[in-house]
Amino acid sequence: MSASLDWSASAELYSSVATFKSRNSRYQRFPSAAEAIRFAIEEMPRATLRSVALECGDERYEGEAIRELYHAPDYPLQRGKR
């Protein structure tokens, strides 16, 4: 799955519900896809992952696909406790 993902490319997280710290925030940009994925898995409440989408270039990943990227063998960042 992650073979086409450039971990260092900038990425955006979108939410269909208010899942970020601010109730009005439904979009957040990250300097790398790896950082966006780490934020989605380690910082956001687990129950909200199903309503989150990650966009990186022409690729779009939703819900559990983001978790799969986080657990991919080539994920470049150190994983946290989740």
Protein backbone atom coordinates (compact mmCIF):
# COMPACT_ATOMS: atom_id res chain seq x y z
CA MET A 1 0.00 0.00 0.00
CA SER A 2 2.70 2.53 0.92
CA ALA A 3 4.85 1.87 -2.17
CA SER A 4 3.32 4.88 -3.95
CA LEU A 5 3.30 7.19 -0.93
CA ASP A 6 6.10 9.73 -0.61
CA TRP A 7 6.50 9.92 3.18
CA SER A 8 8.29 13.28 2.95
CA ALA A 9 5.73 15.03 0.71
CA SER A 10 3.41 17.59 2.29
CA ALA A 11 -0.02 16.26 3.24
CA GLU A 12 -3.42 17.40 4.46
CA LEU A 13 -5.84 15.85 6.93
CA TYR A 14 -9.54 16.45 6.41
CA SER A 15 -12.32 15.59 8.78
CA SER A 16 -16.04 15.27 8.19
CA VAL A 17 -16.65 16.10 11.86
CA ALA A 18 -14.97 18.42 14.34
CA THR A 19 -12.20 16.07 15.46
CA PHE A 20 -9.28 18.44 15.83
CA LYS A 21 -8.66 20.54 18.94
CA SER A 22 -10.71 23.43 17.64
CA ARG A 23 -14.39 22.69 17.02
CA ASN A 24 -14.23 24.71 13.78
CA SER A 25 -11.10 23.06 12.42
CA ARG A 26 -11.71 20.41 9.76
CA TYR A 27 -8.44 20.76 7.83
CA GLN A 28 -4.80 20.65 8.84
CA ARG A 29 -1.67 20.76 6.68
CA PHE A 30 1.56 18.95 7.56
CA PRO A 31 5.08 19.24 6.14
CA SER A 32 5.17 15.48 5.53
CA ALA A 33 2.76 12.60 5.07
CA ALA A 34 4.53 10.71 7.84
CA GLU A 35 3.83 13.54 10.32
CA ALA A 36 0.19 13.76 9.26
CA ILE A 37 -0.21 10.01 9.75
CA ARG A 38 1.44 10.14 13.16
CA PHE A 39 -0.88 12.99 14.20
CA ALA A 40 -3.97 11.09 13.03
CA ILE A 41 -3.02 7.95 14.93
CA GLU A 42 -1.32 9.30 18.05
CA GLU A 43 -3.06 12.62 18.71
CA MET A 44 -6.63 12.25 17.51
CA PRO A 45 -9.23 10.23 19.42
CA ARG A 46 -9.38 6.66 18.04
CA ALA A 47 -13.10 6.79 17.37
CA THR A 48 -12.72 9.71 14.98
CA LEU A 49 -10.28 7.99 12.59
CA ARG A 50 -13.15 6.66 10.46
CA SER A 51 -14.11 10.25 9.58
CA VAL A 52 -10.60 11.40 8.61
CA ALA A 53 -9.01 11.52 5.16
CA LEU A 54 -5.34 12.04 4.33
CA GLU A 55 -4.41 13.59 0.99
CA CYS A 56 -0.87 13.52 -0.30
CA GLY A 57 -0.41 14.51 -3.92
CA ASP A 58 -2.94 12.52 -5.96
CA GLU A 59 -3.34 9.86 -3.27
CA ARG A 60 -6.19 9.78 -0.75
CA TYR A 61 -6.39 7.48 2.28
CA GLU A 62 -9.33 7.20 4.65
CA GLY A 63 -9.95 5.68 8.08
CA GLU A 64 -8.27 2.33 8.56
CA ALA A 65 -6.05 2.87 5.51
CA ILE A 66 -4.30 5.60 7.54
CA ARG A 67 -3.73 3.12 10.37
CA GLU A 68 -2.29 0.62 7.88
CA LEU A 69 0.17 3.26 6.66
CA TYR A 70 1.22 3.94 10.25
CA HIS A 71 2.00 0.24 10.74
CA ALA A 72 3.69 -0.20 7.35
CA PRO A 73 7.23 -1.63 7.59
CA ASP A 74 8.66 1.38 5.74
CA TYR A 75 6.96 4.04 7.92
CA PRO A 76 9.91 6.38 8.59
CA LEU A 77 9.09 7.85 12.02
CA GLN A 78 9.33 6.30 15.45
CA ARG A 79 5.92 5.07 16.56
CA GLY A 80 4.37 6.09 19.87
CA LYS A 81 2.35 4.01 22.30
CA ARG A 82 -0.70 3.55 20.05
